[in-house]
Each structure stands twice: as structure tokens, then as C-alpha cells.
Amino acid sequence: MRFLAYGAGVALMAIGARGLFLHVPDLLGWAKWVVGAVVLHDAVLAPAVLLAGAVTARRHVLQGALAVGGVITLVALPMVLRLGRHPDNPSILPLDYGRNLLIVLAAVATTAAFVRWRLR
């Protein structure tokens, strides 16, 4: 069974590599992005998550709120930074995403505070 899973994994990687070489015109740019993502993850994100986990070791509600808030922030960050916006097309990213992110994070914090209060 294990060899079937390995075979499927190798086949999927081959399909991905084929698609990469056929459909990505700037392989050097892609490689820079991947290396940057790995460095950012290993040098910033992983240590920050480990530190947050150590600091909040017995505060499970706070850990959950930090995890949810972190994922929401990572998803919303390209919109907050307005990546992909073009001045000639105002319909791309028309909202105030920074404000909206703060509203969602406030809702996460409020929910965590309520859950913490109910558990006491």
C-alpha cells in the first residue's frame, strides 16, 4: 500500500513539474519566489508560531484566536497591500481591506474573549 502512495506522489510531482516547465515563462522569477517563501517561513513564520505557542502554553482559547487571526491575516495580506491593483482598472481591489481585516480580527478577539469568559 505504501508503494502505491509513493507512486501516486511521484506521478503527481511529475505532472506538476511538467506544468511548471510548460506554463511558467519566467522560471527564475518563480524560483526566487519559492526560495523567498521558504526563507520567510523558516526564518520568520515558524519561529513566531513556536514563540506564540510557548508563551501561551496553557491558554488554549488564546492559542486558537492567534492561529485563526494569523491565517486570516496571511490570506488578507495581499489585498491589504493592494498587490495586483492597476490604476487603469479601479474595480480591482475597490474596498478598504485594511479596515475590513481589523474588523474581522476584532470579531475573532471578541469571540475568544466571550469563549474565555464562558469557560470560567
Protein backbone atom coordinates (compact mmCIF):
# COMPACT_ATOMS: atom_id res chain seq x y z
CA MET A 1 0.00 0.00 0.00
CA ARG A 2 2.84 2.34 0.84
CA PHE A 3 4.40 1.88 -2.60
CA LEU A 4 1.09 2.84 -4.24
CA ALA A 5 1.11 6.09 -2.27
CA TYR A 6 4.75 6.74 -3.23
CA GLY A 7 3.95 6.03 -6.87
CA ALA A 8 0.97 8.38 -6.80
CA GLY A 9 3.10 11.07 -5.20
CA VAL A 10 5.84 10.74 -7.80
CA ALA A 11 3.26 10.83 -10.60
CA LEU A 12 1.66 13.99 -9.20
CA MET A 13 5.07 15.66 -8.83
CA ALA A 14 5.86 14.78 -12.45
CA ILE A 15 2.57 16.31 -13.59
CA GLY A 16 3.33 19.44 -11.58
CA ALA A 17 6.87 19.73 -12.96
CA ARG A 18 5.58 19.29 -16.50
CA GLY A 19 3.02 22.04 -15.95
CA LEU A 20 5.68 24.27 -14.43
CA PHE A 21 8.02 23.93 -17.39
CA LEU A 22 5.24 24.26 -19.97
CA HIS A 23 3.24 27.14 -18.49
CA VAL A 24 5.61 29.33 -16.44
CA PRO A 25 7.52 31.68 -18.74
CA ASP A 26 9.81 33.08 -16.02
CA LEU A 27 11.29 30.09 -14.18
CA LEU A 28 13.95 32.24 -12.49
CA GLY A 29 11.27 34.54 -11.06
CA TRP A 30 9.30 31.52 -9.91
CA ALA A 31 12.41 30.03 -8.26
CA LYS A 32 13.13 33.33 -6.47
CA TRP A 33 9.56 33.40 -5.17
CA VAL A 34 9.77 29.81 -3.89
CA VAL A 35 13.14 30.40 -2.19
CA GLY A 36 11.80 33.62 -0.67
CA ALA A 37 8.74 31.81 0.64
CA VAL A 38 10.87 29.06 2.21
CA VAL A 39 13.21 31.60 3.84
CA LEU A 40 10.28 33.69 5.11
CA HIS A 41 8.62 30.60 6.54
CA ASP A 42 11.75 29.20 8.20
CA ALA A 43 13.22 32.49 9.43
CA VAL A 44 10.08 34.39 10.46
CA LEU A 45 6.82 32.46 10.47
CA ALA A 46 7.85 29.18 12.14
CA PRO A 47 9.82 30.86 14.98
CA ALA A 48 6.95 33.29 15.58
CA VAL A 49 4.44 30.44 15.82
CA LEU A 50 6.72 28.46 18.16
CA LEU A 51 7.23 31.51 20.37
CA ALA A 52 3.50 32.24 20.48
CA GLY A 53 2.83 28.60 21.38
CA ALA A 54 5.41 28.68 24.18
CA VAL A 55 4.15 31.97 25.60
CA THR A 56 0.50 30.85 25.53
CA ALA A 57 1.14 27.23 26.58
CA ARG A 58 -1.93 26.76 28.78
CA ARG A 59 -4.20 29.36 27.25
CA HIS A 60 -5.93 27.28 24.61
CA VAL A 61 -8.54 29.86 23.66
CA LEU A 62 -5.82 32.45 23.09
CA GLN A 63 -3.82 29.96 21.02
CA GLY A 64 -6.87 29.30 18.86
CA ALA A 65 -7.55 33.01 18.42
CA LEU A 66 -3.93 33.66 17.45
CA ALA A 67 -3.98 30.79 14.95
CA VAL A 68 -7.25 31.94 13.36
CA GLY A 69 -6.12 35.57 13.32
CA GLY A 70 -2.78 34.63 11.79
CA VAL A 71 -4.34 32.59 8.99
CA ILE A 72 -6.89 35.32 8.24
CA THR A 73 -4.11 37.91 8.14
CA LEU A 74 -2.00 35.77 5.79
CA VAL A 75 -4.95 35.33 3.43
CA ALA A 76 -5.90 39.03 3.52
CA LEU A 77 -2.37 40.47 3.33
CA PRO A 78 -2.13 40.60 -0.49
CA MET A 79 -5.37 42.58 -0.60
CA VAL A 80 -4.34 44.88 2.25
CA LEU A 81 -1.08 45.59 0.39
CA ARG A 82 -3.11 46.05 -2.83
CA LEU A 83 -0.98 43.61 -4.79
CA GLY A 84 -2.28 43.33 -8.33
CA ARG A 85 -4.12 46.65 -8.37
CA HIS A 86 -3.86 48.68 -11.57
CA PRO A 87 -4.65 52.42 -11.74
CA ASP A 88 -6.43 51.96 -15.07
CA ASN A 89 -8.93 49.49 -13.55
CA PRO A 90 -10.49 50.82 -10.32
CA SER A 91 -12.74 47.77 -9.99
CA ILE A 92 -9.76 45.64 -8.90
CA LEU A 93 -9.48 45.73 -5.10
CA PRO A 94 -12.04 48.53 -4.61
CA LEU A 95 -12.58 48.11 -0.85
CA ASP A 96 -10.71 49.23 2.25
CA TYR A 97 -9.23 45.83 3.02
CA GLY A 98 -7.08 47.08 5.90
CA ARG A 99 -10.15 48.30 7.77
CA ASN A 100 -12.03 45.11 6.94
CA LEU A 101 -9.16 42.99 8.26
CA LEU A 102 -9.20 44.94 11.52
CA ILE A 103 -12.96 44.37 11.82
CA VAL A 104 -12.58 40.62 11.30
CA LEU A 105 -9.67 40.43 13.76
CA ALA A 106 -11.75 42.37 16.30
CA ALA A 107 -14.55 39.82 15.82
CA VAL A 108 -12.07 36.98 16.39
CA ALA A 109 -10.77 38.66 19.56
CA THR A 110 -14.31 39.32 20.81
CA THR A 111 -15.30 35.71 20.19
CA ALA A 112 -12.21 34.47 22.01
CA ALA A 113 -12.92 36.76 24.95
CA PHE A 114 -16.51 35.52 25.09
CA VAL A 115 -15.43 31.86 24.98
CA ARG A 116 -12.85 32.51 27.70
CA TRP A 117 -15.50 34.21 29.84
CA ARG A 118 -17.94 31.30 29.34
CA LEU A 119 -15.30 28.74 30.31
CA ARG A 120 -14.63 30.39 33.66
